[in-house]
């Protein structure tokens, strides 16, 4: 029997495995894909401050960094450009290298990692979980951390409600483009109902002439699938770009699940919907959640109490760190979703009247309030 079974080898699971192993616990992480870090399933963008809690990006020189980002550019539906931010904004990762580094740290800390190992079922045996791996192998664990993504099976087996309302699920598509003209230090976010209904398109530079170009759409608002919208966007923005790898999938844009724990089980990262519902960002969130889950697991095992009541401390800690912020971001997202393209075009003009070095998020929200007073209750709750 082991202390901790981590299901899923993404950022959440890898950080959880490392932290628990470094505390002296016997940890096994299983990942169903044949390699850690592949396939890449997101735009790979992260904020600098959050990333630096876990790894040193060496000012963008680390081998798992594709680009250092110093600016953010918003584009309105009509194409008006709003530039925000100067200096240390964030990074675009190379996740095919980034996650193997996290895995190396976990192994160095004492964790075991198995790839090509899929958990096919979980059963409770007293205070122990018994996991079936690849059909017939059995692993017994005191605690299971489910870091197995949006469609978490660990959550379902443990009886945790992870259902998502249709209006809170985005369908996303992304293509790696080469031979394109991009600003290598700027990420671009492009809004518009004809571009990406209910979501936005993004351009995340990967090199001097390459970028992850993708978008997310809310199915209930879209007339076509995400790949069809992306084909149109690429055809307009980068008609001569050379297409490389393609990624499709879903992103949950709602708040954290009501409870992320059960007896002997904790969910973290996408499995618990710990994604910023306004931006769709989730990498750093997942690592923070993995660390909190591991710390709670270590404490609970030491106390001999792995009940849902004891593990509930993890959920409370998460809500304090980011969960309540995500609830506020969700209200902002819902409010902004009620306005048409004309509102966002007008907002772009108002924001561009603010000197570029003074365009903070607060000032942008106040400009939005001036354009649409109906946002007042949301903005008040956001900043209160």
Protein backbone atom coordinates (compact mmCIF):
# COMPACT_ATOMS: atom_id res chain seq x y z
CA UNK A 1 0.00 0.00 0.00
CA UNK A 2 1.16 3.54 -0.77
CA UNK A 3 0.37 6.83 0.88
CA UNK A 4 -0.66 8.81 -2.19
CA UNK A 5 -1.79 7.95 -5.71
CA UNK A 6 -1.78 10.91 -8.10
CA UNK A 7 -3.81 10.44 -11.26
CA UNK A 8 -2.66 12.72 -14.07
CA UNK A 9 0.78 13.98 -15.07
CA UNK A 10 0.02 17.60 -15.84
CA UNK A 11 1.23 20.57 -13.78
CA UNK A 12 -1.19 19.92 -10.89
CA UNK A 13 -0.33 16.27 -10.50
CA UNK A 14 3.41 16.73 -10.90
CA UNK A 15 3.63 19.47 -8.27
CA UNK A 16 1.45 17.44 -5.91
CA UNK A 17 3.67 14.39 -6.34
CA UNK A 18 6.85 16.37 -5.71
CA UNK A 19 5.59 18.16 -2.60
CA UNK A 20 4.20 15.02 -0.97
CA UNK A 21 7.30 12.96 -1.80
CA UNK A 22 9.64 15.62 -0.43
CA UNK A 23 7.69 15.35 2.82
CA UNK A 24 8.61 11.67 3.04
CA UNK A 25 5.39 10.13 1.73
CA UNK A 26 5.32 7.20 -0.69
CA UNK A 27 3.87 8.60 -3.90
CA UNK A 28 2.95 7.04 -7.24
CA UNK A 29 1.88 9.24 -10.14
CA UNK A 30 0.25 7.59 -13.14
CA UNK A 31 -0.26 9.24 -16.53
CA UNK A 32 -2.27 7.55 -19.26
CA UNK A 33 -0.40 9.23 -22.13
CA UNK A 34 2.91 7.65 -23.19
CA UNK A 35 4.96 10.77 -22.35
CA UNK A 36 4.86 13.61 -19.83
CA UNK A 37 4.17 16.96 -21.51
CA UNK A 38 2.66 15.57 -24.71
CA UNK A 39 0.34 16.17 -26.38
CA UNK A 40 0.22 19.93 -25.69
CA UNK A 41 -3.36 20.94 -24.96
CA UNK A 42 -3.31 24.71 -24.38
CA UNK A 43 -1.93 28.06 -25.50
CA UNK A 44 0.97 27.67 -23.01
CA UNK A 45 0.80 31.21 -21.61
CA UNK A 46 1.54 31.90 -17.91
CA UNK A 47 1.96 34.95 -15.71
CA UNK A 48 5.46 35.64 -14.47
CA UNK A 49 4.75 35.95 -10.74
CA UNK A 50 2.79 32.72 -10.49
CA UNK A 51 5.32 30.72 -12.48
CA UNK A 52 8.24 31.98 -10.39
CA UNK A 53 6.70 30.41 -7.27
CA UNK A 54 7.65 27.03 -8.72
CA UNK A 55 10.49 27.40 -11.23
CA UNK A 56 13.08 30.01 -12.15
CA UNK A 57 12.48 31.11 -15.77
CA UNK A 58 15.92 32.77 -15.81
CA UNK A 59 14.41 35.92 -17.32
CA UNK A 60 13.17 33.89 -20.26
CA UNK A 61 16.40 31.98 -20.85
CA UNK A 62 15.26 28.65 -19.35
CA UNK A 63 15.07 25.94 -22.06
CA UNK A 64 11.40 25.31 -21.32
CA UNK A 65 10.48 28.95 -22.07
CA UNK A 66 9.52 29.74 -25.68
CA UNK A 67 9.12 33.50 -25.28
CA UNK A 68 9.21 36.17 -22.60
CA UNK A 69 6.12 38.39 -22.87
CA UNK A 70 6.28 42.10 -22.08
CA UNK A 71 3.00 43.37 -23.59
CA UNK A 72 -0.64 42.39 -24.02
CA UNK A 73 -2.62 43.58 -27.02
CA UNK A 74 -6.40 43.48 -27.11
CA UNK A 75 -8.24 43.76 -30.41
CA UNK A 76 -11.86 44.80 -30.61
CA UNK A 77 -14.31 43.22 -33.07
CA UNK A 78 -13.60 45.96 -35.66
CA UNK A 79 -9.84 45.45 -35.25
CA UNK A 80 -9.08 48.44 -33.01
CA UNK A 81 -5.88 47.75 -31.07
CA UNK A 82 -5.51 48.38 -27.33
CA UNK A 83 -2.04 47.79 -25.86
CA UNK A 84 -1.70 47.13 -22.13
CA UNK A 85 1.29 46.38 -19.97
CA UNK A 86 4.99 46.93 -20.20
CA UNK A 87 7.76 44.94 -18.58
CA UNK A 88 7.48 41.59 -16.84
CA UNK A 89 4.07 40.30 -17.96
CA UNK A 90 4.62 36.58 -18.43
CA UNK A 91 5.93 33.75 -20.57
CA UNK A 92 4.88 31.37 -23.29
CA UNK A 93 6.05 27.92 -22.24
CA UNK A 94 7.27 24.96 -24.20
CA UNK A 95 5.16 22.44 -22.33
CA UNK A 96 6.87 19.50 -24.03
CA UNK A 97 9.94 20.55 -21.99
CA UNK A 98 8.27 22.27 -19.05
CA UNK A 99 6.37 19.30 -17.66
CA UNK A 100 9.34 16.90 -17.93
CA UNK A 101 11.26 19.34 -15.70
CA UNK A 102 8.45 19.15 -13.13
CA UNK A 103 8.56 15.36 -13.45
CA UNK A 104 12.32 15.33 -12.84
CA UNK A 105 11.79 17.34 -9.68
CA UNK A 106 9.10 14.94 -8.49
CA UNK A 107 11.32 11.90 -9.08
CA UNK A 108 14.27 13.63 -7.40
CA UNK A 109 12.00 14.22 -4.42
CA UNK A 110 11.23 10.51 -4.19
CA UNK A 111 8.03 10.07 -6.21
CA UNK A 112 7.51 7.23 -8.70
CA UNK A 113 6.05 8.10 -12.11
CA UNK A 114 4.54 5.68 -14.61
CA UNK A 115 3.43 6.71 -18.08
CA UNK A 116 1.08 4.74 -20.30
CA UNK A 117 -0.72 3.74 -17.10
CA UNK A 118 -4.46 4.42 -17.08
CA UNK A 119 -6.65 4.20 -13.99
CA UNK A 120 -9.78 2.33 -15.11
CA UNK A 121 -11.64 2.27 -11.81
CA UNK A 122 -11.59 3.15 -8.11
CA UNK A 123 -13.18 1.16 -5.31
CA UNK A 124 -13.37 1.87 -1.59
CA UNK A 125 -12.07 -0.79 0.81
CA UNK A 126 -12.66 0.56 4.30
CA UNK A 127 -10.49 3.66 4.63
CA UNK A 128 -8.39 2.71 1.57
CA UNK A 129 -8.88 3.32 -2.14
CA UNK A 130 -8.13 0.48 -4.55
CA UNK A 131 -7.29 1.67 -8.06
CA UNK A 132 -7.42 -0.56 -11.12
CA UNK A 133 -4.60 0.32 -13.51
CA UNK A 134 -4.60 -0.83 -17.14
CA UNK A 135 -7.49 -3.14 -16.38
CA UNK A 136 -6.12 -5.74 -14.00
CA UNK A 137 -3.37 -4.27 -11.80
CA UNK A 138 -4.44 -3.12 -8.33
CA UNK A 139 -2.86 -0.29 -6.31
CA UNK A 140 -3.99 0.50 -2.77
CA UNK A 141 -3.63 4.09 -1.54
CA UNK A 142 -4.58 6.06 1.54
CA UNK A 143 -5.35 9.15 -0.54
CA UNK A 144 -5.99 9.70 -4.26
CA UNK A 145 -5.40 13.09 -5.88
CA UNK A 146 -7.37 13.45 -9.09
CA UNK A 147 -5.49 15.70 -11.49
CA UNK A 148 -6.99 14.00 -14.52
CA UNK A 149 -8.41 16.96 -16.39
CA UNK A 150 -11.77 18.43 -17.28
CA UNK A 151 -13.49 15.07 -17.66
CA UNK A 152 -12.15 13.76 -14.35
CA UNK A 153 -13.08 10.13 -13.81
CA UNK A 154 -11.59 10.21 -10.30
CA UNK A 155 -14.19 12.79 -9.36
CA UNK A 156 -17.03 10.67 -10.74
CA UNK A 157 -15.84 7.49 -9.03
CA UNK A 158 -15.59 9.38 -5.73
CA UNK A 159 -19.10 10.80 -6.10
CA UNK A 160 -18.00 14.44 -6.50
CA UNK A 161 -20.32 16.56 -8.63
CA UNK A 162 -18.22 17.84 -11.53
CA UNK A 163 -21.04 18.54 -13.97
CA UNK A 164 -20.67 21.61 -16.19
CA UNK A 165 -23.49 23.71 -17.55
CA UNK A 166 -23.42 23.93 -21.35
CA UNK A 167 -23.10 27.71 -21.22
CA UNK A 168 -19.91 27.34 -19.15
CA UNK A 169 -18.04 25.02 -21.50
CA UNK A 170 -15.92 26.40 -24.31
CA UNK A 171 -14.82 24.40 -27.30
CA UNK A 172 -11.25 25.35 -28.23
CA UNK A 173 -9.00 24.82 -31.23
CA UNK A 174 -5.39 25.83 -31.77
CA UNK A 175 -2.79 25.53 -34.52
CA UNK A 176 0.97 26.12 -34.32
CA UNK A 177 1.78 28.45 -37.23
CA UNK A 178 5.21 29.06 -38.73
CA UNK A 179 6.39 31.75 -41.17
CA UNK A 180 4.09 34.41 -39.71
CA UNK A 181 4.69 38.03 -38.78
CA UNK A 182 4.18 38.38 -35.03
CA UNK A 183 5.58 40.56 -32.28
CA UNK A 184 7.65 38.00 -30.34
CA UNK A 185 7.09 39.76 -27.00
CA UNK A 186 3.33 40.42 -27.29
CA UNK A 187 0.33 38.18 -26.75
CA UNK A 188 -2.80 39.15 -28.69
CA UNK A 189 -6.40 38.59 -27.55
CA UNK A 190 -9.05 39.28 -30.21
CA UNK A 191 -12.74 39.57 -29.34
CA UNK A 192 -15.86 39.53 -31.50
CA UNK A 193 -18.98 37.46 -32.04
CA UNK A 194 -18.04 36.68 -35.62
CA UNK A 195 -14.49 35.80 -34.56
CA UNK A 196 -15.15 33.65 -31.46
CA UNK A 197 -18.71 33.85 -30.08
CA UNK A 198 -18.65 33.74 -26.28
CA UNK A 199 -14.86 33.58 -26.17
CA UNK A 200 -11.86 35.09 -27.93
CA UNK A 201 -9.03 34.33 -30.34
CA UNK A 202 -5.41 34.39 -29.20
CA UNK A 203 -1.96 34.72 -30.71
CA UNK A 204 0.82 33.51 -28.41
CA UNK A 205 4.29 33.85 -29.95
CA UNK A 206 6.49 30.76 -29.82
CA UNK A 207 9.43 32.19 -31.76
CA UNK A 208 10.42 35.16 -33.94
CA UNK A 209 8.13 33.90 -36.73
CA UNK A 210 5.90 31.29 -35.10
CA UNK A 211 2.88 31.37 -32.77
CA UNK A 212 0.14 29.35 -31.15
CA UNK A 213 -3.00 30.71 -32.81
CA UNK A 214 -6.28 29.53 -31.37
CA UNK A 215 -9.71 30.42 -30.11
CA UNK A 216 -12.49 29.27 -27.85
CA UNK A 217 -16.22 29.45 -28.51
CA UNK A 218 -19.25 28.75 -26.34
CA UNK A 219 -21.18 26.06 -28.18
CA UNK A 220 -24.57 27.55 -27.28
CA UNK A 221 -23.60 30.80 -29.05
CA UNK A 222 -21.75 29.34 -32.01
CA UNK A 223 -23.11 28.35 -35.39
CA UNK A 224 -20.12 26.16 -36.22
CA UNK A 225 -17.42 24.23 -34.42
CA UNK A 226 -14.30 25.91 -33.05
CA UNK A 227 -12.03 24.60 -35.82
CA UNK A 228 -14.23 26.18 -38.49
CA UNK A 229 -13.99 29.57 -36.76
CA UNK A 230 -10.23 29.13 -36.41
CA UNK A 231 -9.82 28.26 -40.08
CA UNK A 232 -11.54 31.53 -40.98
CA UNK A 233 -9.44 33.50 -38.49
CA UNK A 234 -6.16 32.10 -39.73
CA UNK A 235 -7.23 32.62 -43.32
CA UNK A 236 -7.78 36.31 -42.61
CA UNK A 237 -4.94 37.04 -40.18
CA UNK A 238 -2.22 34.69 -41.47
CA UNK A 239 -3.15 33.54 -44.98
CA UNK A 240 0.40 32.44 -45.82
CA UNK A 241 1.21 30.84 -42.45
CA UNK A 242 2.47 27.27 -42.49
CA UNK A 243 0.39 25.03 -40.24
CA UNK A 244 1.95 22.63 -37.77
CA UNK A 245 0.45 20.69 -34.88
CA UNK A 246 -3.26 21.09 -34.12
CA UNK A 247 -5.02 20.86 -30.75
CA UNK A 248 -8.74 20.66 -29.98
CA UNK A 249 -10.50 20.28 -26.65
CA UNK A 250 -12.78 21.78 -24.04
CA UNK A 251 -12.19 24.39 -21.34
CA UNK A 252 -14.49 24.90 -18.35
CA UNK A 253 -15.20 28.58 -17.70
CA UNK A 254 -17.20 28.40 -14.50
CA UNK A 255 -16.27 28.51 -10.84
CA UNK A 256 -14.55 25.80 -8.78
CA UNK A 257 -16.71 22.75 -8.05
CA UNK A 258 -18.76 23.18 -4.90
CA UNK A 259 -16.71 20.53 -3.11
CA UNK A 260 -13.38 19.25 -4.41
CA UNK A 261 -13.01 16.49 -1.80
CA UNK A 262 -14.48 13.16 -0.74
CA UNK A 263 -13.28 10.53 1.72
CA UNK A 264 -9.66 9.95 0.74
CA UNK A 265 -9.92 11.98 -2.48
CA UNK A 266 -9.00 15.49 -3.58
CA UNK A 267 -9.39 17.01 -7.05
CA UNK A 268 -7.14 19.74 -8.34
CA UNK A 269 -6.54 21.75 -11.49
CA UNK A 270 -8.94 21.31 -14.39
CA UNK A 271 -10.51 18.30 -12.67
CA UNK A 272 -11.95 20.68 -10.04
CA UNK A 273 -12.62 23.49 -12.56
CA UNK A 274 -9.86 25.62 -11.05
CA UNK A 275 -9.58 27.71 -14.19
CA UNK A 276 -9.87 31.48 -14.42
CA UNK A 277 -13.36 31.75 -15.97
CA UNK A 278 -12.60 35.15 -17.47
CA UNK A 279 -9.34 34.28 -19.23
CA UNK A 280 -9.40 30.48 -19.38
CA UNK A 281 -5.91 30.36 -17.81
CA UNK A 282 -5.17 27.34 -15.67
CA UNK A 283 -1.49 26.26 -15.58
CA UNK A 284 -0.35 28.23 -12.53
CA UNK A 285 -3.72 27.68 -10.86
CA UNK A 286 -3.19 23.95 -11.25
CA UNK A 287 0.28 24.07 -9.70
CA UNK A 288 -0.97 26.10 -6.73
CA UNK A 289 -3.81 23.60 -6.22
CA UNK A 290 -1.45 20.63 -6.50
CA UNK A 291 0.79 22.10 -3.82
CA UNK A 292 -2.17 22.73 -1.49
CA UNK A 293 -3.55 19.23 -2.06
CA UNK A 294 -0.20 17.60 -1.29
CA UNK A 295 0.31 19.64 1.86
CA UNK A 296 -3.17 18.70 3.08
CA UNK A 297 -2.60 15.03 2.22
CA UNK A 298 0.64 14.94 4.20
CA UNK A 299 -1.05 16.49 7.23
CA UNK A 300 -4.09 14.21 7.04
CA UNK A 301 -2.05 11.01 6.73
CA UNK A 302 0.12 12.05 9.68
CA UNK A 303 -3.05 12.57 11.74
CA UNK A 304 -4.55 9.26 10.61
CA UNK A 305 -7.67 11.01 9.31
CA UNK A 306 -8.31 11.03 5.55
CA UNK A 307 -12.02 11.71 5.77
CA UNK A 308 -13.75 14.25 3.57
CA UNK A 309 -14.21 16.45 6.62
CA UNK A 310 -10.45 16.56 7.25
CA UNK A 311 -9.55 16.99 3.58
CA UNK A 312 -12.05 19.84 3.35
CA UNK A 313 -9.25 22.08 4.65
CA UNK A 314 -7.76 21.81 1.16
CA UNK A 315 -10.90 23.17 -0.47
CA UNK A 316 -11.08 26.02 2.04
CA UNK A 317 -7.44 26.92 1.42
CA UNK A 318 -7.96 26.92 -2.33
CA UNK A 319 -10.98 29.18 -2.09
CA UNK A 320 -8.96 31.61 0.01
CA UNK A 321 -6.03 31.60 -2.43
CA UNK A 322 -7.92 31.88 -5.76
CA UNK A 323 -11.38 30.30 -5.63
CA UNK A 324 -13.22 33.41 -4.43
CA UNK A 325 -11.39 35.54 -7.01
CA UNK A 326 -12.66 33.17 -9.70
CA UNK A 327 -16.21 33.70 -8.48
CA UNK A 328 -15.77 37.44 -9.05
CA UNK A 329 -14.17 36.85 -12.46
CA UNK A 330 -17.15 34.68 -13.38
CA UNK A 331 -19.58 37.48 -12.59
CA UNK A 332 -17.55 39.85 -14.77
CA UNK A 333 -17.56 37.30 -17.61
CA UNK A 334 -21.31 36.85 -17.37
CA UNK A 335 -21.92 40.60 -17.39
CA UNK A 336 -19.65 41.26 -20.37
CA UNK A 337 -21.27 38.42 -22.30
CA UNK A 338 -24.51 40.40 -22.48
CA UNK A 339 -23.06 43.19 -24.62
CA UNK A 340 -22.67 43.34 -28.37
CA UNK A 341 -19.65 44.06 -30.56
CA UNK A 342 -20.50 47.74 -30.75
CA UNK A 343 -19.96 48.05 -26.99
CA UNK A 344 -16.47 46.53 -27.22
CA UNK A 345 -15.53 48.71 -30.18
CA UNK A 346 -16.64 51.78 -28.24
CA UNK A 347 -14.77 50.55 -25.15
CA UNK A 348 -11.58 50.19 -27.19
CA UNK A 349 -11.85 53.84 -28.24
CA UNK A 350 -12.36 54.94 -24.63
CA UNK A 351 -9.44 52.89 -23.33
CA UNK A 352 -7.14 54.20 -26.06
CA UNK A 353 -7.82 57.69 -24.73
CA UNK A 354 -6.02 56.63 -21.53
CA UNK A 355 -2.22 57.03 -21.75
CA UNK A 356 -0.72 53.64 -22.48
CA UNK A 357 1.43 53.58 -19.34
CA UNK A 358 -1.70 54.12 -17.19
CA UNK A 359 -3.95 51.42 -18.69
CA UNK A 360 -4.54 49.27 -15.62
CA UNK A 361 -7.30 46.70 -15.28
CA UNK A 362 -9.09 49.03 -12.89
CA UNK A 363 -9.05 51.90 -15.40
CA UNK A 364 -10.31 49.62 -18.16
CA UNK A 365 -13.21 48.50 -15.97
CA UNK A 366 -14.09 52.08 -15.16
CA UNK A 367 -14.03 52.92 -18.86
CA UNK A 368 -16.43 50.02 -19.41
CA UNK A 369 -18.66 51.36 -16.63
CA UNK A 370 -18.78 54.75 -18.32
CA UNK A 371 -19.91 53.06 -21.54
CA UNK A 372 -22.44 50.81 -19.83
CA UNK A 373 -23.71 51.76 -16.31
CA UNK A 374 -25.40 48.35 -16.02
CA UNK A 375 -21.96 46.99 -15.14
CA UNK A 376 -21.89 48.95 -11.86
CA UNK A 377 -23.03 46.10 -9.55
CA UNK A 378 -20.49 43.71 -11.04
CA UNK A 379 -17.58 46.14 -10.93
CA UNK A 380 -18.43 47.15 -7.36
CA UNK A 381 -18.38 43.51 -6.26
CA UNK A 382 -15.16 42.91 -8.19
CA UNK A 383 -13.25 45.67 -6.47
CA UNK A 384 -14.99 45.52 -3.08
